[in-house]
């Protein structure tokens, strides 16, 4: 699997679940289960409900994704 094989979409965190899992509503309305990428855990980037994030999905499982970035809040 290469970097080209992933699908990047934006979404909004609707719920923070135990064990660093997140329920994310994508911009097209689908709900996915997400987890933080290793770089976000290493740098202690916190994600709370209501944050906009970028999620990487694989074509094999479109119901789970990896959160790679938290977007800046809009003012």
PDB file of N, CA and C in Angstrom:
ATOM      1  N   UNK A   1       0.843  -1.167   0.000  1.00  0.00           N
ATOM      2  CA  UNK A   1       0.000   0.000   0.000  1.00  0.00           C
ATOM      3  C   UNK A   1       0.893   1.236   0.000  1.00  0.00           C
ATOM      4  N   UNK A   2       0.671   2.114  -0.931  1.00  0.00           N
ATOM      5  CA  UNK A   2       1.453   3.337  -1.023  1.00  0.00           C
ATOM      6  C   UNK A   2       0.606   4.537  -0.635  1.00  0.00           C
ATOM      7  N   UNK A   3       1.237   5.676  -0.571  1.00  0.00           N
ATOM      8  CA  UNK A   3       0.546   6.910  -0.220  1.00  0.00           C
ATOM      9  C   UNK A   3      -0.543   7.245  -1.232  1.00  0.00           C
ATOM     10  N   UNK A   4      -0.374   6.808  -2.475  1.00  0.00           N
ATOM     11  CA  UNK A   4      -1.354   7.105  -3.515  1.00  0.00           C
ATOM     12  C   UNK A   4      -2.643   6.318  -3.331  1.00  0.00           C
ATOM     13  N   UNK A   5      -2.605   5.228  -2.570  1.00  0.00           N
ATOM     14  CA  UNK A   5      -3.769   4.367  -2.426  1.00  0.00           C
ATOM     15  C   UNK A   5      -4.775   4.864  -1.404  1.00  0.00           C
ATOM     16  N   UNK A   6      -4.466   5.907  -0.641  1.00  0.00           N
ATOM     17  CA  UNK A   6      -5.390   6.380   0.383  1.00  0.00           C
ATOM     18  C   UNK A   6      -6.287   7.477  -0.167  1.00  0.00           C
ATOM     19  N   UNK A   7      -7.447   7.633   0.469  1.00  0.00           N
ATOM     20  CA  UNK A   7      -8.411   8.659   0.111  1.00  0.00           C
ATOM     21  C   UNK A   7      -8.423   9.667   1.253  1.00  0.00           C
ATOM     22  N   UNK A   8      -8.107  10.916   0.966  1.00  0.00           N
ATOM     23  CA  UNK A   8      -8.104  11.952   1.998  1.00  0.00           C
ATOM     24  C   UNK A   8      -9.395  12.741   1.917  1.00  0.00           C
ATOM     25  N   UNK A   9     -10.102  12.830   3.039  1.00  0.00           N
ATOM     26  CA  UNK A   9     -11.334  13.604   3.129  1.00  0.00           C
ATOM     27  C   UNK A   9     -11.301  14.423   4.411  1.00  0.00           C
ATOM     28  N   UNK A  10     -12.101  15.468   4.439  1.00  0.00           N
ATOM     29  CA  UNK A  10     -12.204  16.272   5.650  1.00  0.00           C
ATOM     30  C   UNK A  10     -13.495  15.920   6.367  1.00  0.00           C
ATOM     31  N   UNK A  11     -13.494  16.110   7.659  1.00  0.00           N
ATOM     32  CA  UNK A  11     -14.666  15.814   8.461  1.00  0.00           C
ATOM     33  C   UNK A  11     -14.631  16.563   9.770  1.00  0.00           C
ATOM     34  N   UNK A  12     -15.679  16.389  10.554  1.00  0.00           N
ATOM     35  CA  UNK A  12     -15.791  17.036  11.845  1.00  0.00           C
ATOM     36  C   UNK A  12     -15.998  15.966  12.905  1.00  0.00           C
ATOM     37  N   UNK A  13     -15.257  16.070  14.006  1.00  0.00           N
ATOM     38  CA  UNK A  13     -15.349  15.111  15.101  1.00  0.00           C
ATOM     39  C   UNK A  13     -16.680  15.337  15.825  1.00  0.00           C
ATOM     40  N   UNK A  14     -17.484  14.291  15.922  1.00  0.00           N
ATOM     41  CA  UNK A  14     -18.765  14.409  16.606  1.00  0.00           C
ATOM     42  C   UNK A  14     -18.727  13.828  18.012  1.00  0.00           C
ATOM     43  N   UNK A  15     -17.834  12.858  18.240  1.00  0.00           N
ATOM     44  CA  UNK A  15     -17.788  12.200  19.542  1.00  0.00           C
ATOM     45  C   UNK A  15     -16.380  11.660  19.793  1.00  0.00           C
ATOM     46  N   UNK A  16     -15.919  11.827  21.024  1.00  0.00           N
ATOM     47  CA  UNK A  16     -14.635  11.259  21.437  1.00  0.00           C
ATOM     48  C   UNK A  16     -14.930   9.997  22.230  1.00  0.00           C
ATOM     49  N   UNK A  17     -14.388   8.871  21.785  1.00  0.00           N
ATOM     50  CA  UNK A  17     -14.643   7.572  22.387  1.00  0.00           C
ATOM     51  C   UNK A  17     -13.430   7.124  23.196  1.00  0.00           C
ATOM     52  N   UNK A  18     -13.591   6.109  24.046  1.00  0.00           N
ATOM     53  CA  UNK A  18     -12.432   5.596  24.801  1.00  0.00           C
ATOM     54  C   UNK A  18     -11.347   5.038  23.878  1.00  0.00           C
ATOM     55  N   UNK A  19     -10.148   4.930  24.427  1.00  0.00           N
ATOM     56  CA  UNK A  19      -9.002   4.354  23.733  1.00  0.00           C
ATOM     57  C   UNK A  19      -8.593   5.163  22.503  1.00  0.00           C
ATOM     58  N   UNK A  20      -8.705   6.488  22.587  1.00  0.00           N
ATOM     59  CA  UNK A  20      -8.272   7.421  21.535  1.00  0.00           C
ATOM     60  C   UNK A  20      -9.002   7.215  20.212  1.00  0.00           C
ATOM     61  N   UNK A  21     -10.203   6.735  20.257  1.00  0.00           N
ATOM     62  CA  UNK A  21     -11.015   6.587  19.050  1.00  0.00           C
ATOM     63  C   UNK A  21     -11.920   7.814  18.912  1.00  0.00           C
ATOM     64  N   UNK A  22     -12.291   8.114  17.686  1.00  0.00           N
ATOM     65  CA  UNK A  22     -13.118   9.276  17.397  1.00  0.00           C
ATOM     66  C   UNK A  22     -14.226   8.884  16.438  1.00  0.00           C
ATOM     67  N   UNK A  23     -15.412   9.426  16.647  1.00  0.00           N
ATOM     68  CA  UNK A  23     -16.499   9.274  15.682  1.00  0.00           C
ATOM     69  C   UNK A  23     -16.482  10.545  14.843  1.00  0.00           C
ATOM     70  N   UNK A  24     -16.346  10.394  13.522  1.00  0.00           N
ATOM     71  CA  UNK A  24     -16.153  11.528  12.620  1.00  0.00           C
ATOM     72  C   UNK A  24     -17.243  11.521  11.558  1.00  0.00           C
ATOM     73  N   UNK A  25     -17.855  12.694  11.363  1.00  0.00           N
ATOM     74  CA  UNK A  25     -18.818  12.854  10.282  1.00  0.00           C
ATOM     75  C   UNK A  25     -18.100  13.516   9.116  1.00  0.00           C
ATOM     76  N   UNK A  26     -18.041  12.821   7.987  1.00  0.00           N
ATOM     77  CA  UNK A  26     -17.335  13.345   6.821  1.00  0.00           C
ATOM     78  C   UNK A  26     -18.174  14.421   6.152  1.00  0.00           C
ATOM     79  N   UNK A  27     -17.546  15.147   5.245  1.00  0.00           N
ATOM     80  CA  UNK A  27     -18.237  16.236   4.569  1.00  0.00           C
ATOM     81  C   UNK A  27     -19.384  15.752   3.685  1.00  0.00           C
ATOM     82  N   UNK A  28     -19.372  14.477   3.306  1.00  0.00           N
ATOM     83  CA  UNK A  28     -20.461  13.925   2.503  1.00  0.00           C
ATOM     84  C   UNK A  28     -21.557  13.295   3.358  1.00  0.00           C
ATOM     85  N   UNK A  29     -21.435  13.360   4.693  1.00  0.00           N
ATOM     86  CA  UNK A  29     -22.481  12.886   5.583  1.00  0.00           C
ATOM     87  C   UNK A  29     -22.251  11.516   6.187  1.00  0.00           C
ATOM     88  N   UNK A  30     -21.260  10.771   5.734  1.00  0.00           N
ATOM     89  CA  UNK A  30     -20.990   9.444   6.278  1.00  0.00           C
ATOM     90  C   UNK A  30     -20.304   9.543   7.639  1.00  0.00           C
ATOM     91  N   UNK A  31     -20.587   8.561   8.501  1.00  0.00           N
ATOM     92  CA  UNK A  31     -19.933   8.465   9.800  1.00  0.00           C
ATOM     93  C   UNK A  31     -18.860   7.394   9.742  1.00  0.00           C
ATOM     94  N   UNK A  32     -17.668   7.715  10.229  1.00  0.00           N
ATOM     95  CA  UNK A  32     -16.568   6.755  10.266  1.00  0.00           C
ATOM     96  C   UNK A  32     -15.965   6.741  11.661  1.00  0.00           C
ATOM     97  N   UNK A  33     -15.282   5.661  11.969  1.00  0.00           N
ATOM     98  CA  UNK A  33     -14.542   5.531  13.216  1.00  0.00           C
ATOM     99  C   UNK A  33     -13.088   5.847  12.911  1.00  0.00           C
ATOM    100  N   UNK A  34     -12.503   6.783  13.651  1.00  0.00           N
ATOM    101  CA  UNK A  34     -11.141   7.194  13.367  1.00  0.00           C
ATOM    102  C   UNK A  34     -10.240   7.042  14.573  1.00  0.00           C
ATOM    103  N   UNK A  35      -8.948   7.038  14.305  1.00  0.00           N
ATOM    104  CA  UNK A  35      -7.949   6.998  15.367  1.00  0.00           C
ATOM    105  C   UNK A  35      -6.848   7.978  14.993  1.00  0.00           C
ATOM    106  N   UNK A  36      -6.091   8.436  15.982  1.00  0.00           N
ATOM    107  CA  UNK A  36      -5.037   9.408  15.744  1.00  0.00           C
ATOM    108  C   UNK A  36      -3.809   8.737  15.139  1.00  0.00           C
ATOM    109  N   UNK A  37      -3.152   9.444  14.242  1.00  0.00           N
ATOM    110  CA  UNK A  37      -1.922   8.919  13.663  1.00  0.00           C
ATOM    111  C   UNK A  37      -0.814   8.964  14.707  1.00  0.00           C
ATOM    112  N   UNK A  38       0.233   8.208  14.484  1.00  0.00           N
ATOM    113  CA  UNK A  38       1.336   8.137  15.428  1.00  0.00           C
ATOM    114  C   UNK A  38       2.020   9.473  15.656  1.00  0.00           C
ATOM    115  N   UNK A  39       2.109  10.277  14.643  1.00  0.00           N
ATOM    116  CA  UNK A  39       2.742  11.585  14.773  1.00  0.00           C
ATOM    117  C   UNK A  39       1.915  12.507  15.675  1.00  0.00           C
ATOM    118  N   UNK A  40       0.584  12.410  15.589  1.00  0.00           N
ATOM    119  CA  UNK A  40      -0.272  13.230  16.443  1.00  0.00           C
ATOM    120  C   UNK A  40      -0.183  12.781  17.898  1.00  0.00           C
ATOM    121  N   UNK A  41      -0.073  11.484  18.124  1.00  0.00           N
ATOM    122  CA  UNK A  41       0.070  10.967  19.489  1.00  0.00           C
ATOM    123  C   UNK A  41       1.428  11.380  20.050  1.00  0.00           C
ATOM    124  N   UNK A  42       2.463  11.259  19.245  1.00  0.00           N
ATOM    125  CA  UNK A  42       3.818  11.599  19.678  1.00  0.00           C
ATOM    126  C   UNK A  42       3.936  13.067  20.067  1.00  0.00           C
ATOM    127  N   UNK A  43       3.324  13.941  19.293  1.00  0.00           N
ATOM    128  CA  UNK A  43       3.396  15.375  19.553  1.00  0.00           C
ATOM    129  C   UNK A  43       2.276  15.879  20.463  1.00  0.00           C
ATOM    130  N   UNK A  44       1.490  14.965  20.988  1.00  0.00           N
ATOM    131  CA  UNK A  44       0.411  15.268  21.948  1.00  0.00           C
ATOM    132  C   UNK A  44      -0.569  16.315  21.425  1.00  0.00           C
ATOM    133  N   UNK A  45      -1.025  16.136  20.210  1.00  0.00           N
ATOM    134  CA  UNK A  45      -2.020  17.020  19.625  1.00  0.00           C
ATOM    135  C   UNK A  45      -3.390  16.504  20.052  1.00  0.00           C
ATOM    136  N   UNK A  46      -4.118  17.338  20.779  1.00  0.00           N
ATOM    137  CA  UNK A  46      -5.416  16.902  21.285  1.00  0.00           C
ATOM    138  C   UNK A  46      -6.509  17.236  20.273  1.00  0.00           C
ATOM    139  N   UNK A  47      -7.468  16.349  20.160  1.00  0.00           N
ATOM    140  CA  UNK A  47      -8.607  16.530  19.271  1.00  0.00           C
ATOM    141  C   UNK A  47      -9.856  16.376  20.122  1.00  0.00           C
ATOM    142  N   UNK A  48     -10.732  17.362  20.054  1.00  0.00           N
ATOM    143  CA  UNK A  48     -11.971  17.325  20.830  1.00  0.00           C
ATOM    144  C   UNK A  48     -13.166  17.359  19.886  1.00  0.00           C
ATOM    145  N   UNK A  49     -14.342  17.152  20.438  1.00  0.00           N
ATOM    146  CA  UNK A  49     -15.571  17.181  19.639  1.00  0.00           C
ATOM    147  C   UNK A  49     -15.744  18.566  19.033  1.00  0.00           C
ATOM    148  N   UNK A  50     -16.075  18.594  17.753  1.00  0.00           N
ATOM    149  CA  UNK A  50     -16.264  19.846  17.041  1.00  0.00           C
ATOM    150  C   UNK A  50     -15.077  20.266  16.199  1.00  0.00           C
ATOM    151  N   UNK A  51     -13.929  19.619  16.354  1.00  0.00           N
ATOM    152  CA  UNK A  51     -12.739  19.963  15.571  1.00  0.00           C
ATOM    153  C   UNK A  51     -12.864  19.438  14.143  1.00  0.00           C
ATOM    154  N   UNK A  52     -12.340  20.206  13.201  1.00  0.00           N
ATOM    155  CA  UNK A  52     -12.260  19.751  11.819  1.00  0.00           C
ATOM    156  C   UNK A  52     -10.940  19.016  11.628  1.00  0.00           C
ATOM    157  N   UNK A  53     -10.989  17.878  10.952  1.00  0.00           N
ATOM    158  CA  UNK A  53      -9.811  17.042  10.790  1.00  0.00           C
ATOM    159  C   UNK A  53      -9.724  16.526   9.355  1.00  0.00           C
ATOM    160  N   UNK A  54      -8.532  16.094   8.978  1.00  0.00           N
ATOM    161  CA  UNK A  54      -8.317  15.407   7.704  1.00  0.00           C
ATOM    162  C   UNK A  54      -8.148  13.923   8.018  1.00  0.00           C
ATOM    163  N   UNK A  55      -8.908  13.085   7.326  1.00  0.00           N
ATOM    164  CA  UNK A  55      -8.934  11.644   7.575  1.00  0.00           C
ATOM    165  C   UNK A  55      -8.449  10.915   6.328  1.00  0.00           C
ATOM    166  N   UNK A  56      -7.597   9.915   6.523  1.00  0.00           N
ATOM    167  CA  UNK A  56      -7.160   9.048   5.432  1.00  0.00           C
ATOM    168  C   UNK A  56      -7.937   7.744   5.502  1.00  0.00           C
ATOM    169  N   UNK A  57      -8.605   7.391   4.412  1.00  0.00           N
ATOM    170  CA  UNK A  57      -9.349   6.134   4.309  1.00  0.00           C
ATOM    171  C   UNK A  57      -8.680   5.253   3.271  1.00  0.00           C
ATOM    172  N   UNK A  58      -8.704   3.946   3.497  1.00  0.00           N
ATOM    173  CA  UNK A  58      -8.204   3.026   2.484  1.00  0.00           C
ATOM    174  C   UNK A  58      -9.389   2.528   1.661  1.00  0.00           C
ATOM    175  N   UNK A  59      -9.149   2.134   0.434  1.00  0.00           N
ATOM    176  CA  UNK A  59     -10.254   1.622  -0.377  1.00  0.00           C
ATOM    177  C   UNK A  59     -10.812   0.295   0.141  1.00  0.00           C
ATOM    178  N   UNK A  60     -10.085  -0.382   1.030  1.00  0.00           N
ATOM    179  CA  UNK A  60     -10.513  -1.678   1.533  1.00  0.00           C
ATOM    180  C   UNK A  60     -11.544  -1.561   2.646  1.00  0.00           C
ATOM    181  N   UNK A  61     -11.440  -0.514   3.464  1.00  0.00           N
ATOM    182  CA  UNK A  61     -12.367  -0.335   4.578  1.00  0.00           C
ATOM    183  C   UNK A  61     -12.699   1.149   4.691  1.00  0.00           C
ATOM    184  N   UNK A  62     -13.858   1.530   4.176  1.00  0.00           N
ATOM    185  CA  UNK A  62     -14.259   2.930   4.174  1.00  0.00           C
ATOM    186  C   UNK A  62     -14.968   3.344   5.460  1.00  0.00           C
ATOM    187  N   UNK A  63     -15.036   2.453   6.440  1.00  0.00           N
ATOM    188  CA  UNK A  63     -15.698   2.771   7.700  1.00  0.00           C
ATOM    189  C   UNK A  63     -14.709   3.135   8.808  1.00  0.00           C
ATOM    190  N   UNK A  64     -13.404   2.983   8.550  1.00  0.00           N
ATOM    191  CA  UNK A  64     -12.370   3.321   9.528  1.00  0.00           C
ATOM    192  C   UNK A  64     -11.343   4.213   8.850  1.00  0.00           C
ATOM    193  N   UNK A  65     -10.785   5.126   9.624  1.00  0.00           N
ATOM    194  CA  UNK A  65      -9.805   6.025   9.040  1.00  0.00           C
ATOM    195  C   UNK A  65      -8.786   6.488  10.059  1.00  0.00           C
ATOM    196  N   UNK A  66      -7.713   7.043   9.551  1.00  0.00           N
ATOM    197  CA  UNK A  66      -6.645   7.567  10.391  1.00  0.00           C
ATOM    198  C   UNK A  66      -6.661   9.082  10.296  1.00  0.00           C
ATOM    199  N   UNK A  67      -6.715   9.742  11.438  1.00  0.00           N
ATOM    200  CA  UNK A  67      -6.715  11.204  11.488  1.00  0.00           C
ATOM    201  C   UNK A  67      -5.260  11.649  11.380  1.00  0.00           C
ATOM    202  N   UNK A  68      -4.967  12.400  10.315  1.00  0.00           N
ATOM    203  CA  UNK A  68      -3.593  12.822  10.085  1.00  0.00           C
ATOM    204  C   UNK A  68      -3.368  14.285  10.445  1.00  0.00           C
ATOM    205  N   UNK A  69      -4.427  15.074  10.497  1.00  0.00           N
ATOM    206  CA  UNK A  69      -4.271  16.501  10.766  1.00  0.00           C
ATOM    207  C   UNK A  69      -5.494  17.087  11.411  1.00  0.00           C
ATOM    208  N   UNK A  70      -5.295  18.011  12.325  1.00  0.00           N
ATOM    209  CA  UNK A  70      -6.382  18.825  12.867  1.00  0.00           C
ATOM    210  C   UNK A  70      -6.287  20.177  12.186  1.00  0.00           C
ATOM    211  N   UNK A  71      -7.395  20.627  11.626  1.00  0.00           N
ATOM    212  CA  UNK A  71      -7.401  21.895  10.890  1.00  0.00           C
ATOM    213  C   UNK A  71      -7.593  23.051  11.857  1.00  0.00           C
ATOM    214  N   UNK A  72      -7.110  24.230  11.452  1.00  0.00           N
ATOM    215  CA  UNK A  72      -7.264  25.420  12.276  1.00  0.00           C
ATOM    216  C   UNK A  72      -8.737  25.801  12.401  1.00  0.00           C
ATOM    217  N   UNK A  73      -9.160  26.212  13.569  1.00  0.00           N
ATOM    218  CA  UNK A  73     -10.567  26.621  13.715  1.00  0.00           C
ATOM    219  C   UNK A  73     -10.834  27.906  12.936  1.00  0.00           C
ATOM    220  N   UNK A  74     -12.023  27.964  12.358  1.00  0.00           N
ATOM    221  CA  UNK A  74     -12.399  29.157  11.605  1.00  0.00           C
ATOM    222  C   UNK A  74     -12.891  30.228  12.568  1.00  0.00           C
ATOM    223  N   UNK A  75     -12.530  31.455  12.278  1.00  0.00           N
ATOM    224  CA  UNK A  75     -12.939  32.559  13.157  1.00  0.00           C
ATOM    225  C   UNK A  75     -14.104  33.304  12.582  1.00  0.00           C
TER     226      UNK A  75
END
